Structures are given as C-alpha cells and as structure tokens.
PDB file of all heavy atoms in Angstrom:
ATOM      1  N   LEU A   1      -4.238   7.508  20.868  1.00  0.00           N
ATOM      2  CA  LEU A   1      -4.451   8.004  19.506  1.00  0.00           C
ATOM      3  C   LEU A   1      -3.779   9.362  19.250  1.00  0.00           C
ATOM      4  O   LEU A   1      -3.393   9.652  18.111  1.00  0.00           O
ATOM      5  CB  LEU A   1      -6.031   8.206  19.328  1.00  0.00           C
ATOM      6  CG  LEU A   1      -6.781   7.012  19.244  1.00  0.00           C
ATOM      7  CD1 LEU A   1      -8.299   7.333  19.075  1.00  0.00           C
ATOM      8  CD2 LEU A   1      -6.348   6.063  18.184  1.00  0.00           C
ATOM      9  N   ASP A   2      -3.400  10.112  20.249  1.00  0.00           N
ATOM     10  CA  ASP A   2      -2.663  11.321  20.184  1.00  0.00           C
ATOM     11  C   ASP A   2      -1.319  11.095  19.615  1.00  0.00           C
ATOM     12  O   ASP A   2      -0.686  11.902  18.816  1.00  0.00           O
ATOM     13  CB  ASP A   2      -2.662  12.168  21.485  1.00  0.00           C
ATOM     14  CG  ASP A   2      -3.951  12.792  21.787  1.00  0.00           C
ATOM     15  OD1 ASP A   2      -4.787  12.940  20.937  1.00  0.00           O
ATOM     16  OD2 ASP A   2      -4.130  13.159  22.950  1.00  0.00           O
ATOM     17  N   HIS A   3      -0.738   9.999  19.960  1.00  0.00           N
ATOM     18  CA  HIS A   3       0.630   9.561  19.459  1.00  0.00           C
ATOM     19  C   HIS A   3       0.628   9.482  18.067  1.00  0.00           C
ATOM     20  O   HIS A   3       1.434   9.970  17.329  1.00  0.00           O
ATOM     21  CB  HIS A   3       1.082   8.326  20.187  1.00  0.00           C
ATOM     22  CG  HIS A   3       2.438   7.810  19.652  1.00  0.00           C
ATOM     23  ND1 HIS A   3       3.611   8.445  19.813  1.00  0.00           N
ATOM     24  CD2 HIS A   3       2.754   6.745  18.853  1.00  0.00           C
ATOM     25  CE1 HIS A   3       4.506   7.842  19.133  1.00  0.00           C
ATOM     26  NE2 HIS A   3       4.082   6.756  18.596  1.00  0.00           N
ATOM     27  N   TRP A   4      -0.402   8.749  17.466  1.00  0.00           N
ATOM     28  CA  TRP A   4      -0.514   8.516  15.966  1.00  0.00           C
ATOM     29  C   TRP A   4      -0.845   9.921  15.327  1.00  0.00           C
ATOM     30  O   TRP A   4      -0.334  10.234  14.192  1.00  0.00           O
ATOM     31  CB  TRP A   4      -1.617   7.556  15.732  1.00  0.00           C
ATOM     32  CG  TRP A   4      -1.154   6.136  15.938  1.00  0.00           C
ATOM     33  CD1 TRP A   4       0.131   5.738  16.340  1.00  0.00           C
ATOM     34  CD2 TRP A   4      -1.881   4.984  15.951  1.00  0.00           C
ATOM     35  NE1 TRP A   4       0.263   4.271  16.431  1.00  0.00           N
ATOM     36  CE2 TRP A   4      -0.985   3.854  16.211  1.00  0.00           C
ATOM     37  CE3 TRP A   4      -3.261   4.737  15.667  1.00  0.00           C
ATOM     38  CZ2 TRP A   4      -1.439   2.531  16.307  1.00  0.00           C
ATOM     39  CZ3 TRP A   4      -3.712   3.333  15.636  1.00  0.00           C
ATOM     40  CH2 TRP A   4      -2.799   2.324  15.979  1.00  0.00           C
ATOM     41  N   GLN A   5      -1.614  10.678  15.873  1.00  0.00           N
ATOM     42  CA  GLN A   5      -2.019  11.999  15.302  1.00  0.00           C
ATOM     43  C   GLN A   5      -0.762  12.856  15.201  1.00  0.00           C
ATOM     44  O   GLN A   5      -0.580  13.531  14.144  1.00  0.00           O
ATOM     45  CB  GLN A   5      -3.038  12.721  16.073  1.00  0.00           C
ATOM     46  CG  GLN A   5      -4.375  11.936  16.078  1.00  0.00           C
ATOM     47  CD  GLN A   5      -5.448  12.661  16.979  1.00  0.00           C
ATOM     48  OE1 GLN A   5      -5.219  13.663  17.467  1.00  0.00           O
ATOM     49  NE2 GLN A   5      -6.435  12.011  17.280  1.00  0.00           N
ATOM     50  N   THR A   6       0.110  12.833  16.202  1.00  0.00           N
ATOM     51  CA  THR A   6       1.405  13.531  16.167  1.00  0.00           C
ATOM     52  C   THR A   6       2.296  13.060  15.017  1.00  0.00           C
ATOM     53  O   THR A   6       2.832  13.881  14.285  1.00  0.00           O
ATOM     54  CB  THR A   6       2.205  13.452  17.490  1.00  0.00           C
ATOM     55  OG1 THR A   6       1.305  13.911  18.586  1.00  0.00           O
ATOM     56  CG2 THR A   6       3.402  14.257  17.456  1.00  0.00           C
ATOM     57  N   GLU A   7       2.229  11.788  14.769  1.00  0.00           N
ATOM     58  CA  GLU A   7       3.121  11.243  13.710  1.00  0.00           C
ATOM     59  C   GLU A   7       2.516  11.628  12.321  1.00  0.00           C
ATOM     60  O   GLU A   7       3.163  11.931  11.322  1.00  0.00           O
ATOM     61  CB  GLU A   7       3.205   9.692  13.783  1.00  0.00           C
ATOM     62  CG  GLU A   7       3.958   9.216  14.894  1.00  0.00           C
ATOM     63  CD  GLU A   7       4.221   7.716  14.829  1.00  0.00           C
ATOM     64  OE1 GLU A   7       3.835   7.052  13.803  1.00  0.00           O
ATOM     65  OE2 GLU A   7       4.727   7.135  15.839  1.00  0.00           O
ATOM     66  N   LEU A   8       1.196  11.627  12.212  1.00  0.00           N
ATOM     67  CA  LEU A   8       0.500  11.856  11.009  1.00  0.00           C
ATOM     68  C   LEU A   8       0.648  13.281  10.500  1.00  0.00           C
ATOM     69  O   LEU A   8       0.808  13.538   9.277  1.00  0.00           O
ATOM     70  CB  LEU A   8      -1.021  11.527  11.099  1.00  0.00           C
ATOM     71  CG  LEU A   8      -1.457  10.175  11.110  1.00  0.00           C
ATOM     72  CD1 LEU A   8      -2.864   9.992  11.516  1.00  0.00           C
ATOM     73  CD2 LEU A   8      -1.192   9.517   9.726  1.00  0.00           C
ATOM     74  N   ILE A   9       0.756  14.269  11.457  1.00  0.00           N
ATOM     75  CA  ILE A   9       0.867  15.683  11.075  1.00  0.00           C
ATOM     76  C   ILE A   9       2.262  16.084  10.715  1.00  0.00           C
ATOM     77  O   ILE A   9       2.503  17.262  10.434  1.00  0.00           O
ATOM     78  CB  ILE A   9       0.205  16.601  12.019  1.00  0.00           C
ATOM     79  CG1 ILE A   9       0.970  16.492  13.363  1.00  0.00           C
ATOM     80  CG2 ILE A   9      -1.245  16.311  12.198  1.00  0.00           C
ATOM     81  CD1 ILE A   9       0.355  17.470  14.453  1.00  0.00           C
ATOM     82  N   GLN A  10       3.330  15.174  11.042  1.00  0.00           N
ATOM     83  CA  GLN A  10       4.658  15.541  10.714  1.00  0.00           C
ATOM     84  C   GLN A  10       4.890  15.275   9.145  1.00  0.00           C
ATOM     85  O   GLN A  10       4.736  14.137   8.683  1.00  0.00           O
ATOM     86  CB  GLN A  10       5.619  14.695  11.443  1.00  0.00           C
ATOM     87  CG  GLN A  10       5.584  14.774  13.012  1.00  0.00           C
ATOM     88  CD  GLN A  10       6.040  16.274  13.299  1.00  0.00           C
ATOM     89  OE1 GLN A  10       6.883  16.823  12.668  1.00  0.00           O
ATOM     90  NE2 GLN A  10       5.464  16.734  14.453  1.00  0.00           N
ATOM     91  N   PRO A  11       5.214  16.370   8.455  1.00  0.00           N
ATOM     92  CA  PRO A  11       5.433  16.226   6.922  1.00  0.00           C
ATOM     93  C   PRO A  11       6.468  15.247   6.455  1.00  0.00           C
ATOM     94  O   PRO A  11       6.310  14.588   5.403  1.00  0.00           O
ATOM     95  CB  PRO A  11       5.615  17.621   6.466  1.00  0.00           C
ATOM     96  CG  PRO A  11       6.110  18.310   7.621  1.00  0.00           C
ATOM     97  CD  PRO A  11       5.576  17.655   8.921  1.00  0.00           C
ATOM     98  N   LYS A  12       7.606  15.051   7.311  1.00  0.00           N
ATOM     99  CA  LYS A  12       8.599  14.236   6.904  1.00  0.00           C
ATOM    100  C   LYS A  12       8.488  12.807   7.382  1.00  0.00           C
ATOM    101  O   LYS A  12       9.321  11.932   7.062  1.00  0.00           O
ATOM    102  CB  LYS A  12       9.899  14.783   7.468  1.00  0.00           C
ATOM    103  CG  LYS A  12      10.251  16.142   6.768  1.00  0.00           C
ATOM    104  CD  LYS A  12      11.605  16.627   7.248  1.00  0.00           C
ATOM    105  CE  LYS A  12      12.002  17.963   6.600  1.00  0.00           C
ATOM    106  NZ  LYS A  12      13.368  18.483   7.024  1.00  0.00           N
ATOM    107  N   THR A  13       7.356  12.570   8.051  1.00  0.00           N
ATOM    108  CA  THR A  13       7.181  11.206   8.593  1.00  0.00           C
ATOM    109  C   THR A  13       6.456  10.299   7.632  1.00  0.00           C
ATOM    110  O   THR A  13       5.485  10.687   7.074  1.00  0.00           O
ATOM    111  CB  THR A  13       6.374  11.248   9.916  1.00  0.00           C
ATOM    112  OG1 THR A  13       7.022  12.049  10.848  1.00  0.00           O
ATOM    113  CG2 THR A  13       6.119   9.855  10.475  1.00  0.00           C
ATOM    114  N   ARG A  14       7.032   9.092   7.372  1.00  0.00           N
ATOM    115  CA  ARG A  14       6.361   8.153   6.510  1.00  0.00           C
ATOM    116  C   ARG A  14       5.628   7.208   7.373  1.00  0.00           C
ATOM    117  O   ARG A  14       6.130   6.184   7.903  1.00  0.00           O
ATOM    118  CB  ARG A  14       7.413   7.422   5.680  1.00  0.00           C
ATOM    119  CG  ARG A  14       8.121   8.354   4.653  1.00  0.00           C
ATOM    120  CD  ARG A  14       8.959   7.520   3.728  1.00  0.00           C
ATOM    121  NE  ARG A  14       9.522   8.331   2.665  1.00  0.00           N
ATOM    122  CZ  ARG A  14      10.363   7.898   1.667  1.00  0.00           C
ATOM    123  NH1 ARG A  14      10.581   6.584   1.594  1.00  0.00           N
ATOM    124  NH2 ARG A  14      10.785   8.746   0.728  1.00  0.00           N
ATOM    125  N   PHE A  15       4.309   7.526   7.540  1.00  0.00           N
ATOM    126  CA  PHE A  15       3.463   6.702   8.430  1.00  0.00           C
ATOM    127  C   PHE A  15       3.238   5.303   7.716  1.00  0.00           C
ATOM    128  O   PHE A  15       2.710   5.222   6.621  1.00  0.00           O
ATOM    129  CB  PHE A  15       2.077   7.364   8.676  1.00  0.00           C
ATOM    130  CG  PHE A  15       1.267   6.799   9.724  1.00  0.00           C
ATOM    131  CD1 PHE A  15       1.601   6.962  11.119  1.00  0.00           C
ATOM    132  CD2 PHE A  15       0.192   6.000   9.424  1.00  0.00           C
ATOM    133  CE1 PHE A  15       0.847   6.443  12.078  1.00  0.00           C
ATOM    134  CE2 PHE A  15      -0.580   5.479  10.417  1.00  0.00           C
ATOM    135  CZ  PHE A  15      -0.239   5.616  11.788  1.00  0.00           C
ATOM    136  N   GLN A  16       3.369   4.225   8.452  1.00  0.00           N
ATOM    137  CA  GLN A  16       3.382   2.856   7.915  1.00  0.00           C
ATOM    138  C   GLN A  16       2.228   2.065   8.626  1.00  0.00           C
ATOM    139  O   GLN A  16       1.850   1.017   8.079  1.00  0.00           O
ATOM    140  CB  GLN A  16       4.721   2.078   8.157  1.00  0.00           C
ATOM    141  CG  GLN A  16       5.851   2.874   7.472  1.00  0.00           C
ATOM    142  CD  GLN A  16       5.788   2.774   5.948  1.00  0.00           C
ATOM    143  OE1 GLN A  16       5.029   2.018   5.381  1.00  0.00           O
ATOM    144  NE2 GLN A  16       6.405   3.827   5.310  1.00  0.00           N
ATOM    145  N   ARG A  17       1.663   2.562   9.723  1.00  0.00           N
ATOM    146  CA  ARG A  17       0.672   1.714  10.543  1.00  0.00           C
ATOM    147  C   ARG A  17      -0.725   1.969  10.125  1.00  0.00           C
ATOM    148  O   ARG A  17      -1.532   2.290  10.964  1.00  0.00           O
ATOM    149  CB  ARG A  17       0.979   1.827  11.941  1.00  0.00           C
ATOM    150  CG  ARG A  17       2.313   1.596  12.434  1.00  0.00           C
ATOM    151  CD  ARG A  17       2.418   1.498  13.986  1.00  0.00           C
ATOM    152  NE  ARG A  17       1.635   0.402  14.472  1.00  0.00           N
ATOM    153  CZ  ARG A  17       1.443   0.249  15.802  1.00  0.00           C
ATOM    154  NH1 ARG A  17       1.882   1.053  16.610  1.00  0.00           N
ATOM    155  NH2 ARG A  17       0.597  -0.791  16.069  1.00  0.00           N
ATOM    156  N   TRP A  18      -0.961   1.904   8.787  1.00  0.00           N
ATOM    157  CA  TRP A  18      -2.404   2.227   8.292  1.00  0.00           C
ATOM    158  C   TRP A  18      -3.321   1.115   8.742  1.00  0.00           C
ATOM    159  O   TRP A  18      -4.468   1.364   8.952  1.00  0.00           O
ATOM    160  CB  TRP A  18      -2.395   2.406   6.863  1.00  0.00           C
ATOM    161  CG  TRP A  18      -1.625   3.585   6.363  1.00  0.00           C
ATOM    162  CD1 TRP A  18      -0.380   3.607   5.792  1.00  0.00           C
ATOM    163  CD2 TRP A  18      -2.013   4.917   6.447  1.00  0.00           C
ATOM    164  NE1 TRP A  18      -0.015   4.915   5.455  1.00  0.00           N
ATOM    165  CE2 TRP A  18      -1.019   5.717   5.908  1.00  0.00           C
ATOM    166  CE3 TRP A  18      -3.111   5.551   7.127  1.00  0.00           C
ATOM    167  CZ2 TRP A  18      -1.128   7.108   5.962  1.00  0.00           C
ATOM    168  CZ3 TRP A  18      -3.215   6.952   7.086  1.00  0.00           C
ATOM    169  CH2 TRP A  18      -2.200   7.743   6.515  1.00  0.00           C
ATOM    170  N   ASP A  19      -2.797  -0.167   8.795  1.00  0.00           N
ATOM    171  CA  ASP A  19      -3.725  -1.251   9.192  1.00  0.00           C
ATOM    172  C   ASP A  19      -4.225  -1.057  10.647  1.00  0.00           C
ATOM    173  O   ASP A  19      -5.246  -1.218  11.023  1.00  0.00           O
ATOM    174  CB  ASP A  19      -3.073  -2.574   9.079  1.00  0.00           C
ATOM    175  CG  ASP A  19      -1.747  -2.702   9.743  1.00  0.00           C
ATOM    176  OD1 ASP A  19      -1.123  -1.577  10.126  1.00  0.00           O
ATOM    177  OD2 ASP A  19      -1.119  -3.726  10.009  1.00  0.00           O
ATOM    178  N   ALA A  20      -3.234  -0.713  11.496  1.00  0.00           N
ATOM    179  CA  ALA A  20      -3.584  -0.473  12.892  1.00  0.00           C
ATOM    180  C   ALA A  20      -4.491   0.839  13.074  1.00  0.00           C
ATOM    181  O   ALA A  20      -5.405   0.707  13.911  1.00  0.00           O
ATOM    182  CB  ALA A  20      -2.305  -0.206  13.752  1.00  0.00           C
ATOM    183  N   LEU A  21      -4.232   1.793  12.309  1.00  0.00           N
ATOM    184  CA  LEU A  21      -5.141   2.914  12.370  1.00  0.00           C
ATOM    185  C   LEU A  21      -6.653   2.615  11.916  1.00  0.00           C
ATOM    186  O   LEU A  21      -7.530   3.069  12.465  1.00  0.00           O
ATOM    187  CB  LEU A  21      -4.608   4.040  11.461  1.00  0.00           C
ATOM    188  CG  LEU A  21      -5.357   5.315  11.440  1.00  0.00           C
ATOM    189  CD1 LEU A  21      -5.447   5.995  12.840  1.00  0.00           C
ATOM    190  CD2 LEU A  21      -4.847   6.283  10.502  1.00  0.00           C
ATOM    191  N   LEU A  22      -6.678   1.736  10.891  1.00  0.00           N
ATOM    192  CA  LEU A  22      -8.059   1.308  10.461  1.00  0.00           C
ATOM    193  C   LEU A  22      -8.745   0.456  11.534  1.00  0.00           C
ATOM    194  O   LEU A  22      -9.946   0.749  11.778  1.00  0.00           O
ATOM    195  CB  LEU A  22      -7.889   0.446   9.199  1.00  0.00           C
ATOM    196  CG  LEU A  22      -9.141  -0.206   8.625  1.00  0.00           C
ATOM    197  CD1 LEU A  22     -10.143   0.937   8.256  1.00  0.00           C
ATOM    198  CD2 LEU A  22      -8.817  -1.012   7.446  1.00  0.00           C
ATOM    199  N   GLN A  23      -7.985  -0.380  12.237  1.00  0.00           N
ATOM    200  CA  GLN A  23      -8.621  -1.144  13.233  1.00  0.00           C
ATOM    201  C   GLN A  23      -9.064  -0.252  14.460  1.00  0.00           C
ATOM    202  O   GLN A  23     -10.040  -0.484  15.020  1.00  0.00           O
ATOM    203  CB  GLN A  23      -7.650  -2.200  13.768  1.00  0.00           C
ATOM    204  CG  GLN A  23      -7.342  -3.309  12.757  1.00  0.00           C
ATOM    205  CD  GLN A  23      -8.513  -4.123  12.440  1.00  0.00           C
ATOM    206  OE1 GLN A  23      -9.464  -4.279  13.202  1.00  0.00           O
ATOM    207  NE2 GLN A  23      -8.656  -4.614  11.214  1.00  0.00           N
ATOM    208  N   ALA A  24      -8.193   0.783  14.742  1.00  0.00           N
ATOM    209  CA  ALA A  24      -8.639   1.733  15.787  1.00  0.00           C
ATOM    210  C   ALA A  24      -9.931   2.446  15.390  1.00  0.00           C
ATOM    211  O   ALA A  24     -10.778   2.662  16.235  1.00  0.00           O
ATOM    212  CB  ALA A  24      -7.566   2.778  15.974  1.00  0.00           C
ATOM    213  N   ARG A  25      -9.967   2.867  14.144  1.00  0.00           N
ATOM    214  CA  ARG A  25     -11.260   3.506  13.718  1.00  0.00           C
ATOM    215  C   ARG A  25     -12.474   2.574  13.778  1.00  0.00           C
ATOM    216  O   ARG A  25     -13.509   3.074  14.207  1.00  0.00           O
ATOM    217  CB  ARG A  25     -11.067   4.099  12.295  1.00  0.00           C
ATOM    218  CG  ARG A  25     -10.005   5.268  12.236  1.00  0.00           C
ATOM    219  CD  ARG A  25      -9.846   5.756  10.777  1.00  0.00           C
ATOM    220  NE  ARG A  25     -11.066   6.202  10.273  1.00  0.00           N
ATOM    221  CZ  ARG A  25     -11.182   6.658   9.032  1.00  0.00           C
ATOM    222  NH1 ARG A  25     -10.024   6.575   8.156  1.00  0.00           N
ATOM    223  NH2 ARG A  25     -12.259   7.207   8.532  1.00  0.00           N
ATOM    224  N   LEU A  26     -12.275   1.407  13.432  1.00  0.00           N
ATOM    225  CA  LEU A  26     -13.400   0.429  13.570  1.00  0.00           C
ATOM    226  C   LEU A  26     -13.822   0.192  14.924  1.00  0.00           C
ATOM    227  O   LEU A  26     -14.987   0.128  15.314  1.00  0.00           O
ATOM    228  CB  LEU A  26     -12.996  -0.938  12.882  1.00  0.00           C
ATOM    229  CG  LEU A  26     -12.854  -0.896  11.354  1.00  0.00           C
ATOM    230  CD1 LEU A  26     -12.274  -2.243  10.873  1.00  0.00           C
ATOM    231  CD2 LEU A  26     -14.123  -0.580  10.631  1.00  0.00           C
ATOM    232  N   ALA A  27     -12.787   0.084  15.835  1.00  0.00           N
ATOM    233  CA  ALA A  27     -13.114  -0.030  17.299  1.00  0.00           C
ATOM    234  C   ALA A  27     -13.892   1.175  17.870  1.00  0.00           C
ATOM    235  O   ALA A  27     -14.759   1.041  18.679  1.00  0.00           O
ATOM    236  CB  ALA A  27     -11.851  -0.248  18.106  1.00  0.00           C
ATOM    237  N   LEU A  28     -13.498   2.388  17.404  1.00  0.00           N
ATOM    238  CA  LEU A  28     -14.182   3.536  17.863  1.00  0.00           C
ATOM    239  C   LEU A  28     -15.583   3.602  17.352  1.00  0.00           C
ATOM    240  O   LEU A  28     -16.552   3.920  18.058  1.00  0.00           O
ATOM    241  CB  LEU A  28     -13.434   4.779  17.388  1.00  0.00           C
ATOM    242  CG  LEU A  28     -12.089   5.096  18.064  1.00  0.00           C
ATOM    243  CD1 LEU A  28     -11.411   6.321  17.372  1.00  0.00           C
ATOM    244  CD2 LEU A  28     -12.321   5.372  19.576  1.00  0.00           C
ATOM    245  N   HIS A  29     -15.827   3.144  16.048  1.00  0.00           N
ATOM    246  CA  HIS A  29     -17.237   3.021  15.553  1.00  0.00           C
ATOM    247  C   HIS A  29     -18.000   2.029  16.413  1.00  0.00           C
ATOM    248  O   HIS A  29     -19.181   2.345  16.694  1.00  0.00           O
ATOM    249  CB  HIS A  29     -17.233   2.644  14.075  1.00  0.00           C
ATOM    250  CG  HIS A  29     -16.801   3.759  13.114  1.00  0.00           C
ATOM    251  ND1 HIS A  29     -17.453   4.984  13.077  1.00  0.00           N
ATOM    252  CD2 HIS A  29     -15.807   3.700  12.172  1.00  0.00           C
ATOM    253  CE1 HIS A  29     -16.878   5.671  12.199  1.00  0.00           C
ATOM    254  NE2 HIS A  29     -15.841   5.010  11.609  1.00  0.00           N
ATOM    255  N   GLN A  30     -17.391   0.899  16.627  1.00  0.00           N
ATOM    256  CA  GLN A  30     -18.124  -0.064  17.486  1.00  0.00           C
ATOM    257  C   GLN A  30     -18.422   0.435  18.918  1.00  0.00           C
ATOM    258  O   GLN A  30     -19.498   0.148  19.484  1.00  0.00           O
ATOM    259  CB  GLN A  30     -17.369  -1.386  17.498  1.00  0.00           C
ATOM    260  CG  GLN A  30     -17.286  -2.071  16.182  1.00  0.00           C
ATOM    261  CD  GLN A  30     -16.155  -3.081  16.038  1.00  0.00           C
ATOM    262  OE1 GLN A  30     -15.286  -3.107  16.805  1.00  0.00           O
ATOM    263  NE2 GLN A  30     -16.174  -3.792  14.864  1.00  0.00           N
ATOM    264  N   LEU A  31     -17.539   1.180  19.409  1.00  0.00           N
ATOM    265  CA  LEU A  31     -17.698   1.675  20.830  1.00  0.00           C
ATOM    266  C   LEU A  31     -18.818   2.781  20.746  1.00  0.00           C
ATOM    267  O   LEU A  31     -19.656   2.876  21.693  1.00  0.00           O
ATOM    268  CB  LEU A  31     -16.468   2.305  21.292  1.00  0.00           C
ATOM    269  CG  LEU A  31     -16.302   2.713  22.749  1.00  0.00           C
ATOM    270  CD1 LEU A  31     -16.516   1.534  23.690  1.00  0.00           C
ATOM    271  CD2 LEU A  31     -15.017   3.298  23.151  1.00  0.00           C
ATOM    272  N   GLU A  32     -18.934   3.588  19.684  1.00  0.00           N
ATOM    273  CA  GLU A  32     -19.973   4.598  19.558  1.00  0.00           C
ATOM    274  C   GLU A  32     -21.305   3.846  19.456  1.00  0.00           C
ATOM    275  O   GLU A  32     -22.278   4.308  20.040  1.00  0.00           O
ATOM    276  CB  GLU A  32     -19.606   5.441  18.368  1.00  0.00           C
ATOM    277  CG  GLU A  32     -20.813   6.534  18.062  1.00  0.00           C
ATOM    278  CD  GLU A  32     -20.492   7.380  16.873  1.00  0.00           C
ATOM    279  OE1 GLU A  32     -19.379   7.159  16.202  1.00  0.00           O
ATOM    280  OE2 GLU A  32     -21.325   8.167  16.594  1.00  0.00           O
ATOM    281  N   ASP A  33     -21.438   2.853  18.578  1.00  0.00           N
ATOM    282  CA  ASP A  33     -22.660   2.073  18.423  1.00  0.00           C
ATOM    283  C   ASP A  33     -23.070   1.434  19.808  1.00  0.00           C
ATOM    284  O   ASP A  33     -24.242   1.416  20.147  1.00  0.00           O
ATOM    285  CB  ASP A  33     -22.470   0.982  17.419  1.00  0.00           C
ATOM    286  CG  ASP A  33     -22.296   1.508  16.045  1.00  0.00           C
ATOM    287  OD1 ASP A  33     -22.653   2.625  15.715  1.00  0.00           O
ATOM    288  OD2 ASP A  33     -21.775   0.838  15.134  1.00  0.00           O
ATOM    289  N   LEU A  34     -22.027   0.945  20.543  1.00  0.00           N
ATOM    290  CA  LEU A  34     -22.337   0.421  21.821  1.00  0.00           C
ATOM    291  C   LEU A  34     -23.004   1.417  22.842  1.00  0.00           C
ATOM    292  O   LEU A  34     -23.944   1.138  23.553  1.00  0.00           O
ATOM    293  CB  LEU A  34     -21.111  -0.170  22.454  1.00  0.00           C
ATOM    294  CG  LEU A  34     -21.193  -0.967  23.810  1.00  0.00           C
ATOM    295  CD1 LEU A  34     -21.927  -2.289  23.523  1.00  0.00           C
ATOM    296  CD2 LEU A  34     -19.807  -1.231  24.304  1.00  0.00           C
ATOM    297  N   CYS A  35     -22.411   2.635  22.814  1.00  0.00           N
ATOM    298  CA  CYS A  35     -22.950   3.599  23.655  1.00  0.00           C
ATOM    299  C   CYS A  35     -24.307   4.129  23.249  1.00  0.00           C
ATOM    300  O   CYS A  35     -25.202   4.448  24.026  1.00  0.00           O
ATOM    301  CB  CYS A  35     -21.991   4.814  23.721  1.00  0.00           C
ATOM    302  SG  CYS A  35     -20.435   4.476  24.554  1.00  0.00           S
ATOM    303  N   ASP A  36     -24.463   4.214  21.934  1.00  0.00           N
ATOM    304  CA  ASP A  36     -25.884   4.533  21.407  1.00  0.00           C
ATOM    305  C   ASP A  36     -26.906   3.569  21.806  1.00  0.00           C
ATOM    306  O   ASP A  36     -28.034   3.932  22.163  1.00  0.00           O
ATOM    307  CB  ASP A  36     -25.810   4.630  19.839  1.00  0.00           C
ATOM    308  CG  ASP A  36     -25.133   5.817  19.371  1.00  0.00           C
ATOM    309  OD1 ASP A  36     -24.964   6.804  20.138  1.00  0.00           O
ATOM    310  OD2 ASP A  36     -24.607   5.825  18.190  1.00  0.00           O
TER     311      ASP A  36
END
C-alpha cells in the first residue's frame, strides 16, 4: 500500500488504478471485521 500512497501524493502523477485501490480498501475492511 505504501507504493500506491507514494503515487497518490505525487501532484504530476495521473493515478489510474482506482479499481484496485477500491478492492484493497474493501479487503482491509473485511480483514478488520475478521479481527473484530
């Protein structure tokens, strides 16, 4: 995830992998629910 965060904070970078980022956030939510 740090690799994507580095791309996101670059002002000249046109980030295109929004679908992958969405799936990563959903997986993190499911992992949090699992731990709960």
